[in-house]
Amino acid sequence: MFGVDFSELMVILAVALIVIGPERLPKVARTCGHLLGRAQRYVNGVKADITREMEIEELQQMQKRINQEVMGAEKAVNQVTQAVDLQVLQLNSSVAQQAQQVDNAIVQPVTKAEKTPIA
C-alpha cells in the first residue's frame, strides 16, 4: 500500500517494540489496524461517492443529448407534416378546380340542349 518492504517493516516493528514496550504493543497494533481499516473504508466510500457523481453527470449529459435529438426529430416531423399539409391543400384545390371545370362542362351542354327547341 505505501511501498514498504518486509525488511523495512521489521525495522519499524523493532523500533515500535523498543519505544512502546512489549506489554502495550499488541493493543497499539490493534488500534492501528482499526484505524487503517476505518481509513480504507472511508477512502472506498469517497471513491464510491465520486463514481456515483460522475455517473450522474454522465447520465445528465446523456439526457441533454437525447432531449436535443428528440427536439430535432420533433422539428423534422413538424416540417414534414407542414409540407404534407401544404401538398394536401394544393391537391384539394386542384381537385376542386377540376371538379368545377367538369361540372361547368356538363352543365353548359345540358343548358344549351334545354334552350334549343325540339322540332
PDB file of N, CA and C in Angstrom:
ATOM      1  N   MET A   1       0.823  -1.190   0.000  1.00  0.00           N
ATOM      2  CA  MET A   1       0.000   0.000   0.000  1.00  0.00           C
ATOM      3  C   MET A   1       0.868   1.255   0.000  1.00  0.00           C
ATOM      4  N   PHE A   2       1.845   1.330   0.888  1.00  0.00           N
ATOM      5  CA  PHE A   2       2.726   2.501   0.942  1.00  0.00           C
ATOM      6  C   PHE A   2       4.092   2.200   0.349  1.00  0.00           C
ATOM      7  N   GLY A   3       4.289   1.024  -0.182  1.00  0.00           N
ATOM      8  CA  GLY A   3       5.573   0.645  -0.747  1.00  0.00           C
ATOM      9  C   GLY A   3       6.585   0.281   0.332  1.00  0.00           C
ATOM     10  N   VAL A   4       6.151  -0.412   1.391  1.00  0.00           N
ATOM     11  CA  VAL A   4       7.035  -0.804   2.486  1.00  0.00           C
ATOM     12  C   VAL A   4       7.449  -2.249   2.257  1.00  0.00           C
ATOM     13  N   ASP A   5       8.780  -2.495   2.210  1.00  0.00           N
ATOM     14  CA  ASP A   5       9.293  -3.857   2.057  1.00  0.00           C
ATOM     15  C   ASP A   5       9.241  -4.590   3.394  1.00  0.00           C
ATOM     16  N   PHE A   6       9.505  -5.907   3.332  1.00  0.00           N
ATOM     17  CA  PHE A   6       9.495  -6.717   4.537  1.00  0.00           C
ATOM     18  C   PHE A   6      10.603  -6.286   5.501  1.00  0.00           C
ATOM     19  N   SER A   7      11.764  -5.964   4.980  1.00  0.00           N
ATOM     20  CA  SER A   7      12.874  -5.548   5.850  1.00  0.00           C
ATOM     21  C   SER A   7      12.552  -4.217   6.536  1.00  0.00           C
ATOM     22  N   GLU A   8      11.943  -3.301   5.813  1.00  0.00           N
ATOM     23  CA  GLU A   8      11.551  -2.023   6.409  1.00  0.00           C
ATOM     24  C   GLU A   8      10.479  -2.226   7.472  1.00  0.00           C
ATOM     25  N   LEU A   9       9.558  -3.143   7.224  1.00  0.00           N
ATOM     26  CA  LEU A   9       8.516  -3.456   8.193  1.00  0.00           C
ATOM     27  C   LEU A   9       9.120  -4.033   9.473  1.00  0.00           C
ATOM     28  N   MET A  10      10.125  -4.872   9.328  1.00  0.00           N
ATOM     29  CA  MET A  10      10.791  -5.458  10.509  1.00  0.00           C
ATOM     30  C   MET A  10      11.494  -4.375  11.331  1.00  0.00           C
ATOM     31  N   VAL A  11      12.120  -3.415  10.675  1.00  0.00           N
ATOM     32  CA  VAL A  11      12.787  -2.315  11.381  1.00  0.00           C
ATOM     33  C   VAL A  11      11.747  -1.479  12.127  1.00  0.00           C
ATOM     34  N   ILE A  12      10.608  -1.209  11.479  1.00  0.00           N
ATOM     35  CA  ILE A  12       9.551  -0.422  12.127  1.00  0.00           C
ATOM     36  C   ILE A  12       9.019  -1.158  13.346  1.00  0.00           C
ATOM     37  N   LEU A  13       8.795  -2.473  13.213  1.00  0.00           N
ATOM     38  CA  LEU A  13       8.298  -3.267  14.347  1.00  0.00           C
ATOM     39  C   LEU A  13       9.314  -3.300  15.492  1.00  0.00           C
ATOM     40  N   ALA A  14      10.605  -3.405  15.168  1.00  0.00           N
ATOM     41  CA  ALA A  14      11.639  -3.431  16.213  1.00  0.00           C
ATOM     42  C   ALA A  14      11.672  -2.096  16.953  1.00  0.00           C
ATOM     43  N   VAL A  15      11.575  -0.989  16.225  1.00  0.00           N
ATOM     44  CA  VAL A  15      11.589   0.335  16.855  1.00  0.00           C
ATOM     45  C   VAL A  15      10.330   0.494  17.710  1.00  0.00           C
ATOM     46  N   ALA A  16       9.188   0.037  17.203  1.00  0.00           N
ATOM     47  CA  ALA A  16       7.940   0.143  17.958  1.00  0.00           C
ATOM     48  C   ALA A  16       8.016  -0.699  19.230  1.00  0.00           C
ATOM     49  N   LEU A  17       8.615  -1.872  19.140  1.00  0.00           N
ATOM     50  CA  LEU A  17       8.758  -2.733  20.325  1.00  0.00           C
ATOM     51  C   LEU A  17       9.613  -2.060  21.386  1.00  0.00           C
ATOM     52  N   ILE A  18      10.656  -1.388  20.950  1.00  0.00           N
ATOM     53  CA  ILE A  18      11.538  -0.712  21.900  1.00  0.00           C
ATOM     54  C   ILE A  18      10.857   0.523  22.487  1.00  0.00           C
ATOM     55  N   VAL A  19      10.213   1.322  21.657  1.00  0.00           N
ATOM     56  CA  VAL A  19       9.623   2.579  22.112  1.00  0.00           C
ATOM     57  C   VAL A  19       8.354   2.322  22.931  1.00  0.00           C
ATOM     58  N   ILE A  20       7.474   1.488  22.435  1.00  0.00           N
ATOM     59  CA  ILE A  20       6.181   1.280  23.098  1.00  0.00           C
ATOM     60  C   ILE A  20       6.298   0.273  24.230  1.00  0.00           C
ATOM     61  N   GLY A  21       7.053  -0.732  24.001  1.00  0.00           N
ATOM     62  CA  GLY A  21       7.183  -1.772  25.023  1.00  0.00           C
ATOM     63  C   GLY A  21       6.369  -2.997  24.644  1.00  0.00           C
ATOM     64  N   PRO A  22       6.809  -4.156  25.144  1.00  0.00           N
ATOM     65  CA  PRO A  22       6.150  -5.399  24.746  1.00  0.00           C
ATOM     66  C   PRO A  22       4.722  -5.549  25.301  1.00  0.00           C
ATOM     67  N   GLU A  23       4.408  -4.926  26.449  1.00  0.00           N
ATOM     68  CA  GLU A  23       3.067  -5.119  27.019  1.00  0.00           C
ATOM     69  C   GLU A  23       2.010  -4.264  26.309  1.00  0.00           C
ATOM     70  N   ARG A  24       2.368  -3.097  25.765  1.00  0.00           N
ATOM     71  CA  ARG A  24       1.387  -2.237  25.088  1.00  0.00           C
ATOM     72  C   ARG A  24       1.399  -2.406  23.571  1.00  0.00           C
ATOM     73  N   LEU A  25       2.362  -3.101  23.034  1.00  0.00           N
ATOM     74  CA  LEU A  25       2.482  -3.243  21.578  1.00  0.00           C
ATOM     75  C   LEU A  25       1.262  -3.922  20.941  1.00  0.00           C
ATOM     76  N   PRO A  26       0.728  -5.023  21.501  1.00  0.00           N
ATOM     77  CA  PRO A  26      -0.447  -5.640  20.863  1.00  0.00           C
ATOM     78  C   PRO A  26      -1.656  -4.699  20.813  1.00  0.00           C
ATOM     79  N   LYS A  27      -1.886  -3.939  21.884  1.00  0.00           N
ATOM     80  CA  LYS A  27      -3.010  -3.013  21.910  1.00  0.00           C
ATOM     81  C   LYS A  27      -2.817  -1.904  20.872  1.00  0.00           C
ATOM     82  N   VAL A  28      -1.610  -1.385  20.774  1.00  0.00           N
ATOM     83  CA  VAL A  28      -1.304  -0.341  19.794  1.00  0.00           C
ATOM     84  C   VAL A  28      -1.454  -0.892  18.372  1.00  0.00           C
ATOM     85  N   ALA A  29      -1.022  -2.128  18.156  1.00  0.00           N
ATOM     86  CA  ALA A  29      -1.138  -2.739  16.828  1.00  0.00           C
ATOM     87  C   ALA A  29      -2.612  -2.906  16.443  1.00  0.00           C
ATOM     88  N   ARG A  30      -3.456  -3.350  17.418  1.00  0.00           N
ATOM     89  CA  ARG A  30      -4.893  -3.474  17.147  1.00  0.00           C
ATOM     90  C   ARG A  30      -5.501  -2.119  16.809  1.00  0.00           C
ATOM     91  N   THR A  31      -5.145  -1.125  17.587  1.00  0.00           N
ATOM     92  CA  THR A  31      -5.659   0.222  17.353  1.00  0.00           C
ATOM     93  C   THR A  31      -5.248   0.722  15.970  1.00  0.00           C
ATOM     94  N   CYS A  32      -3.989   0.504  15.618  1.00  0.00           N
ATOM     95  CA  CYS A  32      -3.514   0.911  14.280  1.00  0.00           C
ATOM     96  C   CYS A  32      -4.274   0.156  13.192  1.00  0.00           C
ATOM     97  N   GLY A  33      -4.524  -1.134  13.415  1.00  0.00           N
ATOM     98  CA  GLY A  33      -5.286  -1.929  12.439  1.00  0.00           C
ATOM     99  C   GLY A  33      -6.699  -1.396  12.269  1.00  0.00           C
ATOM    100  N   HIS A  34      -7.345  -1.062  13.386  1.00  0.00           N
ATOM    101  CA  HIS A  34      -8.694  -0.487  13.319  1.00  0.00           C
ATOM    102  C   HIS A  34      -8.694   0.851  12.576  1.00  0.00           C
ATOM    103  N   LEU A  35      -7.703   1.670  12.886  1.00  0.00           N
ATOM    104  CA  LEU A  35      -7.618   2.971  12.221  1.00  0.00           C
ATOM    105  C   LEU A  35      -7.376   2.817  10.712  1.00  0.00           C
ATOM    106  N   LEU A  36      -6.486   1.871  10.359  1.00  0.00           N
ATOM    107  CA  LEU A  36      -6.242   1.641   8.934  1.00  0.00           C
ATOM    108  C   LEU A  36      -7.505   1.114   8.239  1.00  0.00           C
ATOM    109  N   GLY A  37      -8.248   0.238   8.919  1.00  0.00           N
ATOM    110  CA  GLY A  37      -9.494  -0.280   8.356  1.00  0.00           C
ATOM    111  C   GLY A  37     -10.505   0.837   8.142  1.00  0.00           C
ATOM    112  N   ARG A  38     -10.632   1.706   9.145  1.00  0.00           N
ATOM    113  CA  ARG A  38     -11.543   2.847   9.006  1.00  0.00           C
ATOM    114  C   ARG A  38     -11.114   3.754   7.859  1.00  0.00           C
ATOM    115  N   ALA A  39      -9.814   3.993   7.769  1.00  0.00           N
ATOM    116  CA  ALA A  39      -9.307   4.849   6.692  1.00  0.00           C
ATOM    117  C   ALA A  39      -9.603   4.233   5.327  1.00  0.00           C
ATOM    118  N   GLN A  40      -9.404   2.918   5.213  1.00  0.00           N
ATOM    119  CA  GLN A  40      -9.690   2.257   3.939  1.00  0.00           C
ATOM    120  C   GLN A  40     -11.180   2.326   3.604  1.00  0.00           C
ATOM    121  N   ARG A  41     -12.042   2.099   4.608  1.00  0.00           N
ATOM    122  CA  ARG A  41     -13.479   2.191   4.372  1.00  0.00           C
ATOM    123  C   ARG A  41     -13.870   3.610   3.960  1.00  0.00           C
ATOM    124  N   TYR A  42     -13.271   4.597   4.615  1.00  0.00           N
ATOM    125  CA  TYR A  42     -13.558   5.990   4.281  1.00  0.00           C
ATOM    126  C   TYR A  42     -13.125   6.294   2.839  1.00  0.00           C
ATOM    127  N   VAL A  43     -11.937   5.864   2.473  1.00  0.00           N
ATOM    128  CA  VAL A  43     -11.428   6.102   1.117  1.00  0.00           C
ATOM    129  C   VAL A  43     -12.318   5.396   0.104  1.00  0.00           C
ATOM    130  N   ASN A  44     -12.714   4.160   0.391  1.00  0.00           N
ATOM    131  CA  ASN A  44     -13.598   3.434  -0.522  1.00  0.00           C
ATOM    132  C   ASN A  44     -14.948   4.138  -0.651  1.00  0.00           C
ATOM    133  N   GLY A  45     -15.461   4.663   0.465  1.00  0.00           N
ATOM    134  CA  GLY A  45     -16.718   5.413   0.420  1.00  0.00           C
ATOM    135  C   GLY A  45     -16.599   6.663  -0.427  1.00  0.00           C
ATOM    136  N   VAL A  46     -15.500   7.380  -0.272  1.00  0.00           N
ATOM    137  CA  VAL A  46     -15.272   8.591  -1.068  1.00  0.00           C
ATOM    138  C   VAL A  46     -15.159   8.232  -2.551  1.00  0.00           C
ATOM    139  N   LYS A  47     -14.432   7.152  -2.846  1.00  0.00           N
ATOM    140  CA  LYS A  47     -14.322   6.715  -4.243  1.00  0.00           C
ATOM    141  C   LYS A  47     -15.692   6.380  -4.815  1.00  0.00           C
ATOM    142  N   ALA A  48     -16.508   5.667  -4.028  1.00  0.00           N
ATOM    143  CA  ALA A  48     -17.854   5.308  -4.488  1.00  0.00           C
ATOM    144  C   ALA A  48     -18.699   6.559  -4.719  1.00  0.00           C
ATOM    145  N   ASP A  49     -18.597   7.540  -3.819  1.00  0.00           N
ATOM    146  CA  ASP A  49     -19.350   8.789  -3.991  1.00  0.00           C
ATOM    147  C   ASP A  49     -18.923   9.527  -5.261  1.00  0.00           C
ATOM    148  N   ILE A  50     -17.631   9.580  -5.491  1.00  0.00           N
ATOM    149  CA  ILE A  50     -17.116  10.252  -6.687  1.00  0.00           C
ATOM    150  C   ILE A  50     -17.591   9.527  -7.935  1.00  0.00           C
ATOM    151  N   THR A  51     -17.548   8.198  -7.897  1.00  0.00           N
ATOM    152  CA  THR A  51     -18.012   7.417  -9.040  1.00  0.00           C
ATOM    153  C   THR A  51     -19.486   7.671  -9.304  1.00  0.00           C
ATOM    154  N   ARG A  52     -20.305   7.701  -8.237  1.00  0.00           N
ATOM    155  CA  ARG A  52     -21.730   7.979  -8.403  1.00  0.00           C
ATOM    156  C   ARG A  52     -21.957   9.361  -8.993  1.00  0.00           C
ATOM    157  N   GLU A  53     -21.230  10.345  -8.504  1.00  0.00           N
ATOM    158  CA  GLU A  53     -21.371  11.713  -9.026  1.00  0.00           C
ATOM    159  C   GLU A  53     -21.004  11.770 -10.503  1.00  0.00           C
ATOM    160  N   MET A  54     -19.929  11.074 -10.876  1.00  0.00           N
ATOM    161  CA  MET A  54     -19.520  11.066 -12.276  1.00  0.00           C
ATOM    162  C   MET A  54     -20.589  10.384 -13.132  1.00  0.00           C
ATOM    163  N   GLU A  55     -21.166   9.294 -12.624  1.00  0.00           N
ATOM    164  CA  GLU A  55     -22.217   8.602 -13.371  1.00  0.00           C
ATOM    165  C   GLU A  55     -23.454   9.490 -13.503  1.00  0.00           C
ATOM    166  N   ILE A  56     -23.782  10.219 -12.447  1.00  0.00           N
ATOM    167  CA  ILE A  56     -24.923  11.131 -12.505  1.00  0.00           C
ATOM    168  C   ILE A  56     -24.685  12.208 -13.553  1.00  0.00           C
ATOM    169  N   GLU A  57     -23.474  12.768 -13.570  1.00  0.00           N
ATOM    170  CA  GLU A  57     -23.151  13.792 -14.566  1.00  0.00           C
ATOM    171  C   GLU A  57     -23.238  13.224 -15.977  1.00  0.00           C
ATOM    172  N   GLU A  58     -22.722  11.989 -16.168  1.00  0.00           N
ATOM    173  CA  GLU A  58     -22.789  11.362 -17.483  1.00  0.00           C
ATOM    174  C   GLU A  58     -24.243  11.137 -17.896  1.00  0.00           C
ATOM    175  N   LEU A  59     -25.067  10.696 -16.951  1.00  0.00           N
ATOM    176  CA  LEU A  59     -26.483  10.479 -17.253  1.00  0.00           C
ATOM    177  C   LEU A  59     -27.181  11.789 -17.591  1.00  0.00           C
ATOM    178  N   GLN A  60     -26.832  12.865 -16.882  1.00  0.00           N
ATOM    179  CA  GLN A  60     -27.432  14.163 -17.181  1.00  0.00           C
ATOM    180  C   GLN A  60     -27.025  14.638 -18.577  1.00  0.00           C
ATOM    181  N   GLN A  61     -25.752  14.440 -18.922  1.00  0.00           N
ATOM    182  CA  GLN A  61     -25.296  14.831 -20.255  1.00  0.00           C
ATOM    183  C   GLN A  61     -25.997  13.996 -21.322  1.00  0.00           C
ATOM    184  N   MET A  62     -26.154  12.696 -21.044  1.00  0.00           N
ATOM    185  CA  MET A  62     -26.836  11.824 -21.984  1.00  0.00           C
ATOM    186  C   MET A  62     -28.295  12.254 -22.138  1.00  0.00           C
ATOM    187  N   GLN A  63     -28.921  12.629 -21.030  1.00  0.00           N
ATOM    188  CA  GLN A  63     -30.307  13.082 -21.075  1.00  0.00           C
ATOM    189  C   GLN A  63     -30.429  14.360 -21.909  1.00  0.00           C
ATOM    190  N   LYS A  64     -29.472  15.272 -21.746  1.00  0.00           N
ATOM    191  CA  LYS A  64     -29.487  16.505 -22.546  1.00  0.00           C
ATOM    192  C   LYS A  64     -29.357  16.186 -24.033  1.00  0.00           C
ATOM    193  N   ARG A  65     -28.431  15.266 -24.377  1.00  0.00           N
ATOM    194  CA  ARG A  65     -28.253  14.896 -25.782  1.00  0.00           C
ATOM    195  C   ARG A  65     -29.518  14.262 -26.339  1.00  0.00           C
ATOM    196  N   ILE A  66     -30.127  13.388 -25.556  1.00  0.00           N
ATOM    197  CA  ILE A  66     -31.354  12.728 -26.007  1.00  0.00           C
ATOM    198  C   ILE A  66     -32.462  13.752 -26.196  1.00  0.00           C
ATOM    199  N   ASN A  67     -32.574  14.685 -25.255  1.00  0.00           N
ATOM    200  CA  ASN A  67     -33.600  15.730 -25.387  1.00  0.00           C
ATOM    201  C   ASN A  67     -33.366  16.569 -26.636  1.00  0.00           C
ATOM    202  N   GLN A  68     -32.109  16.894 -26.919  1.00  0.00           N
ATOM    203  CA  GLN A  68     -31.800  17.672 -28.119  1.00  0.00           C
ATOM    204  C   GLN A  68     -32.157  16.882 -29.379  1.00  0.00           C
ATOM    205  N   GLU A  69     -31.847  15.586 -29.368  1.00  0.00           N
ATOM    206  CA  GLU A  69     -32.167  14.762 -30.528  1.00  0.00           C
ATOM    207  C   GLU A  69     -33.677  14.634 -30.705  1.00  0.00           C
ATOM    208  N   VAL A  70     -34.387  14.508 -29.600  1.00  0.00           N
ATOM    209  CA  VAL A  70     -35.845  14.420 -29.673  1.00  0.00           C
ATOM    210  C   VAL A  70     -36.424  15.717 -30.219  1.00  0.00           C
ATOM    211  N   MET A  71     -35.892  16.845 -29.749  1.00  0.00           N
ATOM    212  CA  MET A  71     -36.371  18.136 -30.244  1.00  0.00           C
ATOM    213  C   MET A  71     -36.084  18.271 -31.738  1.00  0.00           C
ATOM    214  N   GLY A  72     -34.904  17.832 -32.166  1.00  0.00           N
ATOM    215  CA  GLY A  72     -34.570  17.880 -33.589  1.00  0.00           C
ATOM    216  C   GLY A  72     -35.494  16.993 -34.407  1.00  0.00           C
ATOM    217  N   ALA A  73     -35.768  15.798 -33.890  1.00  0.00           N
ATOM    218  CA  ALA A  73     -36.681  14.894 -34.595  1.00  0.00           C
ATOM    219  C   ALA A  73     -38.089  15.481 -34.637  1.00  0.00           C
ATOM    220  N   GLU A  74     -38.497  16.107 -33.548  1.00  0.00           N
ATOM    221  CA  GLU A  74     -39.826  16.733 -33.500  1.00  0.00           C
ATOM    222  C   GLU A  74     -39.928  17.860 -34.521  1.00  0.00           C
ATOM    223  N   LYS A  75     -38.872  18.661 -34.630  1.00  0.00           N
ATOM    224  CA  LYS A  75     -38.863  19.737 -35.628  1.00  0.00           C
ATOM    225  C   LYS A  75     -38.945  19.158 -37.039  1.00  0.00           C
ATOM    226  N   ALA A  76     -38.185  18.088 -37.274  1.00  0.00           N
ATOM    227  CA  ALA A  76     -38.210  17.469 -38.598  1.00  0.00           C
ATOM    228  C   ALA A  76     -39.597  16.919 -38.911  1.00  0.00           C
ATOM    229  N   VAL A  77     -40.224  16.284 -37.935  1.00  0.00           N
ATOM    230  CA  VAL A  77     -41.573  15.753 -38.138  1.00  0.00           C
ATOM    231  C   VAL A  77     -42.554  16.896 -38.398  1.00  0.00           C
ATOM    232  N   ASN A  78     -42.423  17.983 -37.664  1.00  0.00           N
ATOM    233  CA  ASN A  78     -43.301  19.141 -37.879  1.00  0.00           C
ATOM    234  C   ASN A  78     -43.116  19.716 -39.278  1.00  0.00           C
ATOM    235  N   GLN A  79     -41.874  19.796 -39.731  1.00  0.00           N
ATOM    236  CA  GLN A  79     -41.613  20.318 -41.071  1.00  0.00           C
ATOM    237  C   GLN A  79     -42.232  19.411 -42.137  1.00  0.00           C
ATOM    238  N   VAL A  80     -42.058  18.105 -41.950  1.00  0.00           N
ATOM    239  CA  VAL A  80     -42.627  17.164 -42.913  1.00  0.00           C
ATOM    240  C   VAL A  80     -44.152  17.255 -42.888  1.00  0.00           C
ATOM    241  N   THR A  81     -44.724  17.368 -41.691  1.00  0.00           N
ATOM    242  CA  THR A  81     -46.179  17.484 -41.564  1.00  0.00           C
ATOM    243  C   THR A  81     -46.679  18.739 -42.258  1.00  0.00           C
ATOM    244  N   GLN A  82     -45.979  19.847 -42.070  1.00  0.00           N
ATOM    245  CA  GLN A  82     -46.373  21.088 -42.733  1.00  0.00           C
ATOM    246  C   GLN A  82     -46.275  20.952 -44.247  1.00  0.00           C
ATOM    247  N   ALA A  83     -45.219  20.307 -44.721  1.00  0.00           N
ATOM    248  CA  ALA A  83     -45.056  20.121 -46.164  1.00  0.00           C
ATOM    249  C   ALA A  83     -46.171  19.237 -46.716  1.00  0.00           C
ATOM    250  N   VAL A  84     -46.500  18.179 -45.991  1.00  0.00           N
ATOM    251  CA  VAL A  84     -47.577  17.289 -46.436  1.00  0.00           C
ATOM    252  C   VAL A  84     -48.909  18.024 -46.407  1.00  0.00           C
ATOM    253  N   ASP A  85     -49.154  18.799 -45.359  1.00  0.00           N
ATOM    254  CA  ASP A  85     -50.401  19.573 -45.284  1.00  0.00           C
ATOM    255  C   ASP A  85     -50.518  20.544 -46.447  1.00  0.00           C
ATOM    256  N   LEU A  86     -49.415  21.192 -46.786  1.00  0.00           N
ATOM    257  CA  LEU A  86     -49.410  22.114 -47.914  1.00  0.00           C
ATOM    258  C   LEU A  86     -49.721  21.382 -49.218  1.00  0.00           C
ATOM    259  N   GLN A  87     -49.103  20.217 -49.393  1.00  0.00           N
ATOM    260  CA  GLN A  87     -49.364  19.425 -50.598  1.00  0.00           C
ATOM    261  C   GLN A  87     -50.825  18.984 -50.656  1.00  0.00           C
ATOM    262  N   VAL A  88     -51.381  18.601 -49.500  1.00  0.00           N
ATOM    263  CA  VAL A  88     -52.785  18.188 -49.448  1.00  0.00           C
ATOM    264  C   VAL A  88     -53.692  19.353 -49.809  1.00  0.00           C
ATOM    265  N   LEU A  89     -53.398  20.539 -49.268  1.00  0.00           N
ATOM    266  CA  LEU A  89     -54.202  21.716 -49.609  1.00  0.00           C
ATOM    267  C   LEU A  89     -54.136  22.024 -51.107  1.00  0.00           C
ATOM    268  N   GLN A  90     -52.943  21.946 -51.667  1.00  0.00           N
ATOM    269  CA  GLN A  90     -52.785  22.195 -53.097  1.00  0.00           C
ATOM    270  C   GLN A  90     -53.524  21.148 -53.917  1.00  0.00           C
ATOM    271  N   LEU A  91     -53.438  19.905 -53.476  1.00  0.00           N
ATOM    272  CA  LEU A  91     -54.130  18.830 -54.182  1.00  0.00           C
ATOM    273  C   LEU A  91     -55.642  19.002 -54.085  1.00  0.00           C
ATOM    274  N   ASN A  92     -56.135  19.346 -52.894  1.00  0.00           N
ATOM    275  CA  ASN A  92     -57.574  19.589 -52.732  1.00  0.00           C
ATOM    276  C   ASN A  92     -58.039  20.745 -53.611  1.00  0.00           C
ATOM    277  N   SER A  93     -57.247  21.800 -53.665  1.00  0.00           N
ATOM    278  CA  SER A  93     -57.579  22.959 -54.501  1.00  0.00           C
ATOM    279  C   SER A  93     -57.612  22.555 -55.968  1.00  0.00           C
ATOM    280  N   SER A  94     -56.630  21.777 -56.375  1.00  0.00           N
ATOM    281  CA  SER A  94     -56.568  21.328 -57.766  1.00  0.00           C
ATOM    282  C   SER A  94     -57.754  20.430 -58.099  1.00  0.00           C
ATOM    283  N   VAL A  95     -58.086  19.521 -57.191  1.00  0.00           N
ATOM    284  CA  VAL A  95     -59.234  18.628 -57.401  1.00  0.00           C
ATOM    285  C   VAL A  95     -60.521  19.444 -57.456  1.00  0.00           C
ATOM    286  N   ALA A  96     -60.657  20.430 -56.592  1.00  0.00           N
ATOM    287  CA  ALA A  96     -61.853  21.279 -56.589  1.00  0.00           C
ATOM    288  C   ALA A  96     -61.971  22.039 -57.902  1.00  0.00           C
ATOM    289  N   GLN A  97     -60.846  22.544 -58.415  1.00  0.00           N
ATOM    290  CA  GLN A  97     -60.865  23.253 -59.691  1.00  0.00           C
ATOM    291  C   GLN A  97     -61.258  22.308 -60.824  1.00  0.00           C
ATOM    292  N   GLN A  98     -60.687  21.116 -60.800  1.00  0.00           N
ATOM    293  CA  GLN A  98     -61.018  20.133 -61.843  1.00  0.00           C
ATOM    294  C   GLN A  98     -62.495  19.753 -61.755  1.00  0.00           C
ATOM    295  N   ALA A  99     -63.000  19.569 -60.547  1.00  0.00           N
ATOM    296  CA  ALA A  99     -64.411  19.223 -60.372  1.00  0.00           C
ATOM    297  C   ALA A  99     -65.301  20.360 -60.868  1.00  0.00           C
ATOM    298  N   GLN A 100     -64.909  21.584 -60.589  1.00  0.00           N
ATOM    299  CA  GLN A 100     -65.675  22.746 -61.051  1.00  0.00           C
ATOM    300  C   GLN A 100     -65.686  22.793 -62.579  1.00  0.00           C
ATOM    301  N   GLN A 101     -64.530  22.526 -63.188  1.00  0.00           N
ATOM    302  CA  GLN A 101     -64.450  22.537 -64.647  1.00  0.00           C
ATOM    303  C   GLN A 101     -65.315  21.432 -65.244  1.00  0.00           C
ATOM    304  N   VAL A 102     -65.304  20.268 -64.608  1.00  0.00           N
ATOM    305  CA  VAL A 102     -66.125  19.159 -65.096  1.00  0.00           C
ATOM    306  C   VAL A 102     -67.604  19.512 -64.939  1.00  0.00           C
ATOM    307  N   ASP A 103     -67.983  20.081 -63.799  1.00  0.00           N
ATOM    308  CA  ASP A 103     -69.367  20.492 -63.591  1.00  0.00           C
ATOM    309  C   ASP A 103     -69.789  21.513 -64.645  1.00  0.00           C
ATOM    310  N   ASN A 104     -68.917  22.483 -64.890  1.00  0.00           N
ATOM    311  CA  ASN A 104     -69.217  23.509 -65.892  1.00  0.00           C
ATOM    312  C   ASN A 104     -69.357  22.887 -67.280  1.00  0.00           C
ATOM    313  N   ALA A 105     -68.489  21.926 -67.567  1.00  0.00           N
ATOM    314  CA  ALA A 105     -68.539  21.286 -68.884  1.00  0.00           C
ATOM    315  C   ALA A 105     -69.817  20.479 -69.042  1.00  0.00           C
ATOM    316  N   ILE A 106     -70.332  19.892 -67.993  1.00  0.00           N
ATOM    317  CA  ILE A 106     -71.548  19.091 -68.065  1.00  0.00           C
ATOM    318  C   ILE A 106     -72.775  19.988 -68.077  1.00  0.00           C
ATOM    319  N   VAL A 107     -72.784  21.029 -67.258  1.00  0.00           N
ATOM    320  CA  VAL A 107     -73.941  21.904 -67.127  1.00  0.00           C
ATOM    321  C   VAL A 107     -74.155  22.714 -68.388  1.00  0.00           C
ATOM    322  N   GLN A 108     -73.140  23.220 -69.027  1.00  0.00           N
ATOM    323  CA  GLN A 108     -73.288  24.067 -70.213  1.00  0.00           C
ATOM    324  C   GLN A 108     -73.940  23.309 -71.360  1.00  0.00           C
ATOM    325  N   PRO A 109     -73.543  22.112 -71.712  1.00  0.00           N
ATOM    326  CA  PRO A 109     -74.231  21.430 -72.816  1.00  0.00           C
ATOM    327  C   PRO A 109     -75.669  21.105 -72.460  1.00  0.00           C
ATOM    328  N   VAL A 110     -75.939  20.782 -71.207  1.00  0.00           N
ATOM    329  CA  VAL A 110     -77.300  20.451 -70.813  1.00  0.00           C
ATOM    330  C   VAL A 110     -78.171  21.694 -70.921  1.00  0.00           C
ATOM    331  N   THR A 111     -77.689  22.838 -70.481  1.00  0.00           N
ATOM    332  CA  THR A 111     -78.486  24.059 -70.552  1.00  0.00           C
ATOM    333  C   THR A 111     -78.684  24.486 -71.998  1.00  0.00           C
ATOM    334  N   LYS A 112     -77.718  24.274 -72.850  1.00  0.00           N
ATOM    335  CA  LYS A 112     -77.857  24.597 -74.273  1.00  0.00           C
ATOM    336  C   LYS A 112     -78.896  23.679 -74.900  1.00  0.00           C
ATOM    337  N   ALA A 113     -78.879  22.419 -74.491  1.00  0.00           N
ATOM    338  CA  ALA A 113     -79.841  21.474 -75.047  1.00  0.00           C
ATOM    339  C   ALA A 113     -81.234  21.823 -74.580  1.00  0.00           C
ATOM    340  N   GLU A 114     -81.418  22.309 -73.401  1.00  0.00           N
ATOM    341  CA  GLU A 114     -82.734  22.691 -72.907  1.00  0.00           C
ATOM    342  C   GLU A 114     -83.258  23.921 -73.628  1.00  0.00           C
ATOM    343  N   LYS A 115     -82.363  24.813 -74.012  1.00  0.00           N
ATOM    344  CA  LYS A 115     -82.773  26.051 -74.676  1.00  0.00           C
ATOM    345  C   LYS A 115     -83.143  25.823 -76.151  1.00  0.00           C
ATOM    346  N   THR A 116     -82.548  24.846 -76.756  1.00  0.00           N
ATOM    347  CA  THR A 116     -82.858  24.619 -78.183  1.00  0.00           C
ATOM    348  C   THR A 116     -84.202  23.904 -78.308  1.00  0.00           C
ATOM    349  N   PRO A 117     -85.082  24.448 -79.144  1.00  0.00           N
ATOM    350  CA  PRO A 117     -86.396  23.824 -79.290  1.00  0.00           C
ATOM    351  C   PRO A 117     -86.287  22.505 -80.039  1.00  0.00           C
ATOM    352  N   ILE A 118     -87.129  21.606 -79.657  1.00  0.00           N
ATOM    353  CA  ILE A 118     -87.162  20.318 -80.339  1.00  0.00           C
ATOM    354  C   ILE A 118     -88.180  20.429 -81.461  1.00  0.00           C
ATOM    355  N   ALA A 119     -87.808  20.089 -82.640  1.00  0.00           N
ATOM    356  CA  ALA A 119     -88.675  20.253 -83.802  1.00  0.00           C
ATOM    357  C   ALA A 119     -89.516  19.068 -84.102  1.00  0.00           C
TER     358      ALA A 119
END
